[in-house]
Amino acid sequence: MKTNPCQCQSVLNLPGPDAVTAVAAYTQDPLGFLTRCAREYGELVPIRLGGNALFCLLTNPEHITHVLKERLLFVKAEDVRLLRTILGNGLLTSEGSFWQRQRRLTQPIFHQRKIESYSQVMVDYTQMMLASWQAGDVVDVHEEMMCLTLNIVMKTIFDKDLNDNEANQISQALETTLTWFSAKMAALLMENEEPIPEDKLHQDTVKRLDETIYAMINHRRDMGETGNDLLGMLMAVEDADDGSRMSDRQIRDEVSTLILAGHETTANALSWTWFLLGQHPEVRAKLDHELKTVLHDRAPTFEDLKQLTYTTMVIQEAMRLYPPVTDLTRAATQECEIGGYTLPKGTTLIASQWVMHRDPRYFIAPELFEPNRWANDFEKSLPRGVYFPFGDGPRVCIGKGFAMMEAVLLLATIAQSFHLELAPDQVIEPQPSVTLRPKNGIQVILHNNS
């Protein structure tokens, strides 16, 4: 992978989709388009999207691992850079030595002993949500999961209970951002770099979010104490090298990143889990059996996680079929070589979880929802670069442990009380953007679990 580029053929010599129709095909169905490219063209697929912009889809796990590992040669691509307008220079969007410092400062906050203390918050908030549910009601479970995980992340970051108005404001801000992001990406694919109608609303949203977060930071400073929540830890952490702390701007950027990444991805993972469970009563029956056997009708705790093995496998399998993030992109900072082919500087490389997680080379009956496939440490038998719902390499999701704990505890707590039946006559369609959402939500009918 690191031979002299001059000795290799250009990746442009490889077969790929027709450049004239690629943009339309990708815009109409990005997940289907990338899947077809992987199946038809092989391990390195050159794709022209947006005029002269060169993309390259990777389907060899070794290539994916290499690209995600080499954080200096391959940096975050244009889609992630767009998010800097709202996330600033946080962990998701920053690069180089600055990212390395921020990662080092933030890492202790997500130590297991730290996140363990949030398990009770997760269960308590879930039980509060369940108290508002009634058998026979029809609810949008995606909306419910979004509200629940937002409440949890705000409590763990700010030690704050949101009122309905605050929750609606933040939810609307995130909704506006995701709408803007999708519109901006579509415009860029059509080589339109002019302002779009959504820009003004997005800018206003970022301004309001800034006001909210800075007000909370200033309030802590005025109180003369930081607190034990995530905000407090971000304010208190010191660089071991020089004793410096994060600036208010750095804290704001990391908090914004935690709000978006800390609830959006888990909410979507759970939404698709309920969708799949609604289609597979045999899986739901096995889940019920484990919850009854392990918990005996009491609320789950952190100590139960090791025994909730099937519950964990349900989440793993749901994230295989519907990964919260469908692809990771990296831009080559210089001409490079992958798999014996040279790629020009600026090439955008695509490592698609959606494609790899459904690859028949690694998963028997890949379209089937089969949690038992994860038994006996199946994940360890997979080549690295095949299953990566949280990314991989040095930039693997820092909140992976937090997210997995939350998903398992929320699933267990809800499933103890309710069965969620998919409402009839609805079209449930994946909508890839920053995350993978159900386009029109997921309507379910609530039934008491008796």
Protein backbone atom coordinates (compact mmCIF):
# COMPACT_ATOMS: atom_id res chain seq x y z
CA MET A 1 0.00 0.00 0.00
CA LYS A 2 2.97 2.31 0.36
CA THR A 3 4.97 1.66 -2.78
CA ASN A 4 6.15 4.53 -4.95
CA PRO A 5 3.03 5.93 -6.64
CA CYS A 6 4.95 6.31 -9.89
CA GLN A 7 5.20 2.51 -10.18
CA CYS A 8 1.42 2.01 -10.04
CA GLN A 9 -1.45 2.42 -12.43
CA SER A 10 -3.93 5.21 -11.89
CA VAL A 11 -7.20 4.34 -10.16
CA LEU A 12 -8.86 6.12 -13.08
CA ASN A 13 -7.98 3.10 -15.23
CA LEU A 14 -10.35 0.96 -13.17
CA PRO A 15 -13.98 0.44 -14.22
CA GLY A 16 -16.65 2.48 -12.50
CA PRO A 17 -20.14 3.87 -13.01
CA ASP A 18 -20.97 6.21 -15.87
CA ALA A 19 -19.96 9.74 -14.88
CA VAL A 20 -22.92 11.30 -16.70
CA THR A 21 -25.56 9.38 -14.75
CA ALA A 22 -23.70 8.87 -11.44
CA VAL A 23 -24.86 12.09 -9.78
CA ALA A 24 -28.51 11.42 -10.54
CA ALA A 25 -28.25 7.79 -9.42
CA TYR A 26 -26.46 8.74 -6.21
CA THR A 27 -28.85 11.58 -5.42
CA GLN A 28 -31.90 9.39 -5.95
CA ASP A 29 -30.68 6.39 -3.92
CA PRO A 30 -27.20 6.78 -2.39
CA LEU A 31 -27.32 3.50 -0.45
CA GLY A 32 -28.48 1.48 -3.43
CA PHE A 33 -26.02 3.23 -5.75
CA LEU A 34 -22.98 2.47 -3.55
CA THR A 35 -24.15 -1.12 -3.06
CA ARG A 36 -24.42 -1.64 -6.82
CA CYS A 37 -20.99 -0.09 -7.35
CA ALA A 38 -19.47 -2.46 -4.80
CA ARG A 39 -21.08 -5.54 -6.32
CA GLU A 40 -20.36 -4.63 -9.95
CA TYR A 41 -16.89 -3.10 -9.89
CA GLY A 42 -14.82 -4.56 -7.07
CA GLU A 43 -12.44 -3.33 -4.39
CA LEU A 44 -11.63 0.15 -5.71
CA VAL A 45 -14.40 1.96 -7.54
CA PRO A 46 -13.65 5.41 -9.06
CA ILE A 47 -16.80 7.56 -9.10
CA ARG A 48 -17.22 11.00 -10.62
CA LEU A 49 -19.70 13.09 -8.63
CA GLY A 50 -20.10 16.80 -9.11
CA GLY A 51 -18.08 17.55 -12.24
CA ASN A 52 -14.40 16.77 -11.80
CA ALA A 53 -14.66 15.71 -8.15
CA LEU A 54 -13.21 12.20 -7.84
CA PHE A 55 -14.55 9.77 -5.27
CA CYS A 56 -13.34 6.23 -4.68
CA LEU A 57 -15.41 3.57 -2.94
CA LEU A 58 -13.39 1.07 -0.90
CA THR A 59 -14.67 -2.48 -0.40
CA ASN A 60 -11.47 -4.24 0.71
CA PRO A 61 -11.36 -4.31 4.54
CA GLU A 62 -7.57 -3.84 4.52
CA HIS A 63 -7.91 -0.69 2.43
CA ILE A 64 -10.64 0.66 4.74
CA THR A 65 -8.52 -0.02 7.82
CA HIS A 66 -5.51 1.66 6.24
CA VAL A 67 -7.44 4.81 5.32
CA LEU A 68 -9.12 5.13 8.72
CA LYS A 69 -5.79 4.56 10.48
CA GLU A 70 -3.71 7.13 8.59
CA ARG A 71 -5.27 10.32 9.99
CA LEU A 72 -2.62 12.67 8.52
CA LEU A 73 -2.65 11.30 4.99
CA PHE A 74 -6.45 11.00 4.95
CA VAL A 75 -8.44 13.80 6.61
CA LYS A 76 -12.14 14.47 7.04
CA ALA A 77 -13.77 15.21 3.69
CA GLU A 78 -16.08 17.99 2.51
CA ASP A 79 -19.26 16.54 4.05
CA VAL A 80 -17.78 16.57 7.55
CA ARG A 81 -16.16 19.96 7.03
CA LEU A 82 -19.63 21.38 6.36
CA LEU A 83 -20.57 20.46 9.92
CA ARG A 84 -17.98 22.90 11.26
CA THR A 85 -20.59 25.62 10.83
CA ILE A 86 -22.43 24.17 13.83
CA LEU A 87 -19.87 21.90 15.55
CA GLY A 88 -16.93 24.27 15.21
CA ASN A 89 -13.55 22.65 15.72
CA GLY A 90 -14.76 19.81 17.93
CA LEU A 91 -13.53 16.21 17.95
CA LEU A 92 -15.64 15.23 14.96
CA THR A 93 -14.34 17.97 12.67
CA SER A 94 -10.86 19.00 13.89
CA GLU A 95 -7.58 17.72 12.50
CA GLY A 96 -3.87 17.36 13.25
CA SER A 97 -2.22 18.30 16.51
CA PHE A 98 -5.25 20.27 17.67
CA TRP A 99 -7.47 17.20 17.35
CA GLN A 100 -4.82 15.10 19.10
CA ARG A 101 -4.76 17.48 22.08
CA GLN A 102 -8.55 17.66 22.30
CA ARG A 103 -8.84 13.88 22.13
CA ARG A 104 -6.27 13.51 24.91
CA LEU A 105 -8.08 16.04 27.10
CA THR A 106 -11.52 14.55 26.46
CA GLN A 107 -10.64 10.85 26.70
CA PRO A 108 -10.75 10.59 30.54
CA ILE A 109 -14.33 11.88 30.54
CA PHE A 110 -15.41 8.69 28.78
CA HIS A 111 -13.53 6.28 31.01
CA GLN A 112 -15.76 3.34 32.00
CA ARG A 113 -15.91 4.44 35.63
CA LYS A 114 -17.19 7.83 34.51
CA ILE A 115 -19.87 6.61 32.12
CA GLU A 116 -21.00 3.90 34.55
CA SER A 117 -22.40 6.63 36.78
CA TYR A 118 -24.77 7.69 33.97
CA SER A 119 -26.50 4.32 33.73
CA GLN A 120 -29.06 5.23 36.39
CA VAL A 121 -29.86 8.50 34.60
CA MET A 122 -30.55 6.54 31.41
CA VAL A 123 -32.92 4.11 33.11
CA ASP A 124 -34.68 6.83 35.13
CA TYR A 125 -35.40 8.98 32.08
CA THR A 126 -36.65 5.97 30.15
CA GLN A 127 -39.06 5.11 32.95
CA MET A 128 -40.33 8.71 32.95
CA MET A 129 -41.04 8.40 29.23
CA LEU A 130 -42.82 5.08 29.76
CA ALA A 131 -45.06 6.67 32.38
CA SER A 132 -46.55 8.79 29.57
CA TRP A 133 -47.21 5.79 27.31
CA GLN A 134 -50.53 3.95 27.33
CA ALA A 135 -51.49 0.68 25.73
CA GLY A 136 -53.34 1.24 22.48
CA ASP A 137 -51.64 4.55 21.73
CA VAL A 138 -49.98 5.04 18.34
CA VAL A 139 -46.66 6.89 18.59
CA ASP A 140 -43.77 7.73 16.31
CA VAL A 141 -41.06 5.69 18.01
CA HIS A 142 -38.33 7.61 16.20
CA GLU A 143 -39.60 10.87 17.63
CA GLU A 144 -39.88 9.26 21.06
CA MET A 145 -36.31 7.95 20.93
CA MET A 146 -35.02 11.33 19.77
CA CYS A 147 -36.70 13.09 22.70
CA LEU A 148 -35.52 10.48 25.19
CA THR A 149 -31.88 10.46 24.14
CA LEU A 150 -31.83 14.26 23.94
CA ASN A 151 -33.09 14.48 27.53
CA ILE A 152 -30.44 12.00 28.62
CA VAL A 153 -27.57 13.74 26.87
CA MET A 154 -28.60 17.13 28.24
CA LYS A 155 -28.76 15.71 31.74
CA THR A 156 -25.34 14.07 31.45
CA ILE A 157 -23.70 17.14 29.86
CA PHE A 158 -25.36 19.95 31.82
CA ASP A 159 -27.05 18.14 34.74
CA LYS A 160 -30.18 19.82 33.42
CA ASP A 161 -33.78 18.69 33.03
CA LEU A 162 -35.21 20.14 29.84
CA ASN A 163 -38.65 21.67 29.86
CA ASP A 164 -40.84 21.15 26.80
CA ASN A 165 -39.92 24.52 25.29
CA GLU A 166 -36.17 23.95 25.66
CA ALA A 167 -36.44 20.43 24.24
CA ASN A 168 -38.42 21.70 21.26
CA GLN A 169 -35.91 24.49 20.62
CA ILE A 170 -32.92 22.15 20.59
CA SER A 171 -34.76 19.49 18.56
CA GLN A 172 -35.76 22.12 16.01
CA ALA A 173 -32.20 23.42 15.85
CA LEU A 174 -30.85 19.96 15.07
CA GLU A 175 -33.64 19.36 12.55
CA THR A 176 -32.79 22.62 10.80
CA THR A 177 -29.12 21.70 10.69
CA LEU A 178 -29.76 18.28 9.15
CA THR A 179 -32.12 19.78 6.57
CA TRP A 180 -29.51 22.40 5.69
CA PHE A 181 -26.76 19.78 5.47
CA SER A 182 -28.72 17.63 3.01
CA ALA A 183 -29.60 20.64 0.86
CA LYS A 184 -26.00 21.89 0.90
CA MET A 185 -24.60 18.51 -0.10
CA ALA A 186 -27.12 18.23 -2.94
CA ALA A 187 -26.11 21.67 -4.17
CA LEU A 188 -22.41 20.81 -4.07
CA LEU A 189 -23.02 17.63 -6.05
CA MET A 190 -24.63 19.82 -8.73
CA GLU A 191 -21.53 22.07 -8.61
CA ASN A 192 -23.54 24.90 -7.07
CA GLU A 193 -21.39 26.77 -4.56
CA GLU A 194 -23.75 29.74 -4.34
CA PRO A 195 -25.76 30.44 -1.15
CA ILE A 196 -28.92 28.36 -0.80
CA PRO A 197 -32.23 29.39 0.82
CA GLU A 198 -31.54 27.23 3.88
CA ASP A 199 -28.30 29.09 4.75
CA LYS A 200 -29.97 31.98 6.62
CA LEU A 201 -32.12 29.76 8.83
CA HIS A 202 -29.12 27.58 9.58
CA GLN A 203 -27.02 30.60 10.58
CA ASP A 204 -29.78 31.84 12.89
CA THR A 205 -30.00 28.38 14.45
CA VAL A 206 -26.27 28.26 15.14
CA LYS A 207 -26.45 31.71 16.73
CA ARG A 208 -29.23 30.63 19.11
CA LEU A 209 -27.38 27.42 20.01
CA ASP A 210 -24.24 29.46 20.76
CA GLU A 211 -26.19 31.76 23.05
CA THR A 212 -27.61 28.79 24.97
CA ILE A 213 -24.29 26.98 25.45
CA TYR A 214 -22.24 30.08 26.29
CA ALA A 215 -24.89 31.11 28.84
CA MET A 216 -24.45 27.76 30.60
CA ILE A 217 -20.65 28.05 30.55
CA ASN A 218 -20.79 31.61 31.92
CA HIS A 219 -23.24 30.56 34.61
CA ARG A 220 -20.78 27.90 35.79
CA ARG A 221 -17.94 30.39 35.83
CA ASP A 222 -20.05 32.88 37.81
CA MET A 223 -20.88 30.18 40.34
CA GLY A 224 -17.19 29.54 40.85
CA GLU A 225 -17.61 25.77 40.48
CA THR A 226 -17.65 23.49 37.48
CA GLY A 227 -19.79 20.55 38.63
CA ASN A 228 -19.47 16.82 38.04
CA ASP A 229 -21.35 16.56 34.73
CA LEU A 230 -19.65 16.42 31.33
CA LEU A 231 -19.61 20.20 30.99
CA GLY A 232 -17.93 20.51 34.37
CA MET A 233 -15.32 17.93 33.45
CA LEU A 234 -14.59 19.68 30.14
CA MET A 235 -14.12 22.96 32.02
CA ALA A 236 -11.86 21.41 34.67
CA VAL A 237 -9.61 19.11 32.64
CA GLU A 238 -5.98 20.23 32.35
CA ASP A 239 -3.35 19.47 29.72
CA ALA A 240 -0.73 17.27 31.40
CA ASP A 241 2.00 18.92 29.31
CA ASP A 242 1.44 22.60 30.11
CA GLY A 243 -1.43 22.75 32.60
CA SER A 244 -3.65 24.68 30.18
CA ARG A 245 -7.41 24.21 29.98
CA MET A 246 -9.88 24.40 27.14
CA SER A 247 -11.04 27.84 26.08
CA ASP A 248 -14.76 28.63 26.20
CA ARG A 249 -14.82 28.28 22.42
CA GLN A 250 -13.27 24.81 22.60
CA ILE A 251 -15.75 23.80 25.31
CA ARG A 252 -18.62 25.11 23.18
CA ASP A 253 -17.44 23.10 20.17
CA GLU A 254 -17.07 19.87 22.14
CA VAL A 255 -20.45 20.36 23.82
CA SER A 256 -22.15 20.95 20.45
CA THR A 257 -20.53 17.77 19.14
CA LEU A 258 -21.68 15.78 22.16
CA ILE A 259 -25.26 17.04 21.82
CA LEU A 260 -25.48 16.05 18.16
CA ALA A 261 -23.46 12.83 18.23
CA GLY A 262 -24.55 11.87 21.73
CA HIS A 263 -28.24 11.55 21.01
CA GLU A 264 -28.81 11.45 17.25
CA THR A 265 -26.91 8.22 16.59
CA THR A 266 -28.31 6.28 19.57
CA ALA A 267 -31.85 7.43 18.82
CA ASN A 268 -31.56 6.19 15.24
CA ALA A 269 -30.00 2.88 16.30
CA LEU A 270 -32.90 2.27 18.67
CA SER A 271 -35.51 3.37 16.11
CA TRP A 272 -34.29 0.83 13.58
CA THR A 273 -34.07 -1.79 16.36
CA TRP A 274 -37.79 -1.35 17.10
CA PHE A 275 -38.53 -1.52 13.38
CA LEU A 276 -36.68 -4.83 13.06
CA LEU A 277 -38.17 -6.28 16.25
CA GLY A 278 -41.62 -5.41 14.93
CA GLN A 279 -40.92 -7.52 11.87
CA HIS A 280 -39.42 -10.47 13.75
CA PRO A 281 -41.56 -11.76 16.65
CA GLU A 282 -39.23 -14.75 17.12
CA VAL A 283 -36.36 -12.38 17.95
CA ARG A 284 -38.63 -10.39 20.26
CA ALA A 285 -39.58 -13.62 22.08
CA LYS A 286 -35.90 -14.45 22.70
CA LEU A 287 -35.31 -10.91 23.93
CA ASP A 288 -38.25 -11.20 26.35
CA HIS A 289 -36.91 -14.49 27.66
CA GLU A 290 -33.50 -13.04 28.44
CA LEU A 291 -34.94 -9.96 30.13
CA LYS A 292 -37.20 -12.11 32.28
CA THR A 293 -34.39 -14.49 33.17
CA VAL A 294 -31.77 -11.85 33.98
CA LEU A 295 -33.85 -9.03 35.46
CA HIS A 296 -36.85 -10.80 37.06
CA ASP A 297 -39.06 -7.73 36.39
CA ARG A 298 -36.70 -5.22 38.04
CA ALA A 299 -35.09 -2.29 36.25
CA PRO A 300 -31.76 -3.01 34.55
CA THR A 301 -28.53 -1.65 36.00
CA PHE A 302 -24.96 -1.27 34.79
CA GLU A 303 -24.06 -4.53 36.54
CA ASP A 304 -26.59 -6.40 34.36
CA LEU A 305 -24.96 -5.47 31.06
CA LYS A 306 -22.58 -8.44 30.99
CA GLN A 307 -25.52 -10.83 31.34
CA LEU A 308 -27.71 -9.10 28.77
CA THR A 309 -25.85 -10.81 25.94
CA TYR A 310 -28.79 -11.37 23.58
CA THR A 311 -30.02 -7.81 24.16
CA THR A 312 -26.55 -6.60 23.15
CA MET A 313 -26.56 -8.83 20.07
CA VAL A 314 -29.93 -7.35 19.02
CA ILE A 315 -28.33 -3.89 19.06
CA GLN A 316 -25.24 -5.13 17.20
CA GLU A 317 -27.37 -6.71 14.50
CA ALA A 318 -29.61 -3.67 14.16
CA MET A 319 -26.52 -1.49 13.71
CA ARG A 320 -25.23 -3.93 11.11
CA LEU A 321 -28.35 -3.62 8.97
CA TYR A 322 -29.05 0.04 9.74
CA PRO A 323 -25.78 1.65 10.86
CA PRO A 324 -26.37 5.04 12.52
CA VAL A 325 -23.78 6.48 10.10
CA THR A 326 -23.88 4.90 6.64
CA ASP A 327 -20.45 5.90 5.39
CA LEU A 328 -17.21 7.58 6.40
CA THR A 329 -15.34 9.83 3.99
CA ARG A 330 -11.71 10.89 3.91
CA ALA A 331 -9.85 13.25 1.57
CA ALA A 332 -6.32 12.39 0.42
CA THR A 333 -3.94 15.20 1.38
CA GLN A 334 -1.45 14.12 -1.28
CA GLU A 335 -1.13 11.66 -4.14
CA CYS A 336 -1.17 8.20 -2.60
CA GLU A 337 -1.36 4.52 -3.42
CA ILE A 338 -3.94 1.97 -2.38
CA GLY A 339 -4.09 -1.60 -3.61
CA GLY A 340 -1.50 -1.00 -6.33
CA TYR A 341 -3.25 2.06 -7.79
CA THR A 342 -2.45 5.75 -7.44
CA LEU A 343 -5.10 8.20 -6.33
CA PRO A 344 -4.75 11.93 -7.04
CA LYS A 345 -4.45 14.42 -4.21
CA GLY A 346 -7.94 15.51 -3.13
CA THR A 347 -9.63 12.21 -3.93
CA THR A 348 -12.51 11.54 -1.54
CA LEU A 349 -12.42 7.96 -0.26
CA ILE A 350 -15.65 6.33 0.87
CA ALA A 351 -15.75 3.55 3.47
CA SER A 352 -19.40 2.54 3.60
CA GLN A 353 -20.77 0.77 6.67
CA TRP A 354 -23.99 0.18 4.77
CA VAL A 355 -22.14 -1.67 2.01
CA MET A 356 -19.68 -3.61 4.17
CA HIS A 357 -22.21 -4.60 6.84
CA ARG A 358 -24.32 -6.28 4.15
CA ASP A 359 -21.46 -7.89 2.25
CA PRO A 360 -22.19 -11.59 1.55
CA ARG A 361 -18.45 -12.34 1.69
CA TYR A 362 -18.58 -11.88 5.46
CA PHE A 363 -22.21 -12.38 6.50
CA ILE A 364 -24.36 -15.41 5.74
CA ALA A 365 -27.79 -14.26 4.50
CA PRO A 366 -26.72 -10.64 5.01
CA GLU A 367 -30.20 -9.17 4.54
CA LEU A 368 -31.66 -11.23 7.41
CA PHE A 369 -32.06 -9.86 10.93
CA GLU A 370 -30.30 -12.59 12.92
CA PRO A 371 -28.86 -11.45 16.27
CA ASN A 372 -27.53 -14.94 17.03
CA ARG A 373 -24.87 -14.46 14.36
CA TRP A 374 -22.97 -12.40 16.96
CA ALA A 375 -22.70 -15.28 19.42
CA ASN A 376 -19.33 -16.86 20.28
CA ASP A 377 -17.37 -13.65 19.65
CA PHE A 378 -18.33 -13.60 15.97
CA GLU A 379 -17.17 -9.99 15.68
CA LYS A 380 -13.60 -11.03 16.52
CA SER A 381 -13.63 -13.46 13.60
CA LEU A 382 -14.38 -10.69 11.10
CA PRO A 383 -11.51 -8.93 9.35
CA ARG A 384 -11.02 -5.42 10.64
CA GLY A 385 -12.76 -3.00 8.30
CA VAL A 386 -15.90 -5.12 7.84
CA TYR A 387 -18.05 -4.10 10.82
CA PHE A 388 -17.41 -0.58 12.06
CA PRO A 389 -20.62 1.16 13.24
CA PHE A 390 -18.53 3.47 15.44
CA GLY A 391 -15.76 4.02 12.91
CA ASP A 392 -12.23 2.72 13.41
CA GLY A 393 -8.64 3.79 13.86
CA PRO A 394 -7.49 6.65 16.08
CA ARG A 395 -10.73 8.54 15.34
CA VAL A 396 -13.06 5.76 16.46
CA CYS A 397 -16.07 7.27 18.26
CA ILE A 398 -14.95 8.43 21.70
CA GLY A 399 -18.45 7.81 23.08
CA LYS A 400 -18.72 4.20 21.89
CA GLY A 401 -18.97 2.78 25.41
CA PHE A 402 -21.52 5.42 26.44
CA ALA A 403 -23.64 4.75 23.34
CA MET A 404 -23.64 0.96 23.66
CA MET A 405 -24.52 1.13 27.35
CA GLU A 406 -27.34 3.55 26.60
CA ALA A 407 -28.76 1.52 23.72
CA VAL A 408 -28.81 -1.74 25.69
CA LEU A 409 -30.26 -0.19 28.87
CA LEU A 410 -32.96 1.72 26.99
CA LEU A 411 -33.93 -1.29 24.91
CA ALA A 412 -34.15 -3.51 28.00
CA THR A 413 -36.14 -0.97 30.04
CA ILE A 414 -38.69 -0.31 27.29
CA ALA A 415 -39.05 -3.94 26.24
CA GLN A 416 -39.87 -4.94 29.82
CA SER A 417 -43.01 -2.79 29.73
CA PHE A 418 -44.20 -2.64 26.13
CA HIS A 419 -44.41 -4.52 22.86
CA LEU A 420 -44.21 -2.18 19.88
CA GLU A 421 -46.30 -3.34 16.93
CA LEU A 422 -45.61 -1.67 13.59
CA ALA A 423 -48.68 0.29 12.51
CA PRO A 424 -50.07 -0.92 9.18
CA ASP A 425 -50.06 0.95 5.87
CA GLN A 426 -46.89 2.98 6.37
CA VAL A 427 -43.80 3.30 4.20
CA ILE A 428 -40.64 3.14 6.29
CA GLU A 429 -37.72 4.38 4.24
CA PRO A 430 -34.09 4.96 5.24
CA GLN A 431 -32.93 8.54 4.74
CA PRO A 432 -29.14 8.88 4.83
CA SER A 433 -27.80 12.28 5.83
CA VAL A 434 -25.45 13.04 8.71
CA THR A 435 -27.06 9.97 10.25
CA LEU A 436 -29.46 7.30 8.99
CA ARG A 437 -32.98 8.35 9.91
CA PRO A 438 -36.34 6.82 8.96
CA LYS A 439 -37.62 9.37 6.44
CA ASN A 440 -41.19 9.61 7.71
CA GLY A 441 -40.68 8.22 11.19
CA ILE A 442 -41.85 4.81 12.42
CA GLN A 443 -45.41 4.56 13.72
CA VAL A 444 -46.00 1.85 16.32
CA ILE A 445 -48.94 0.65 18.38
CA LEU A 446 -48.16 0.22 22.07
CA HIS A 447 -49.11 -3.00 23.84
CA ASN A 448 -48.50 -3.85 27.48
CA ASN A 449 -45.84 -6.54 27.87
CA SER A 450 -47.67 -9.10 29.99
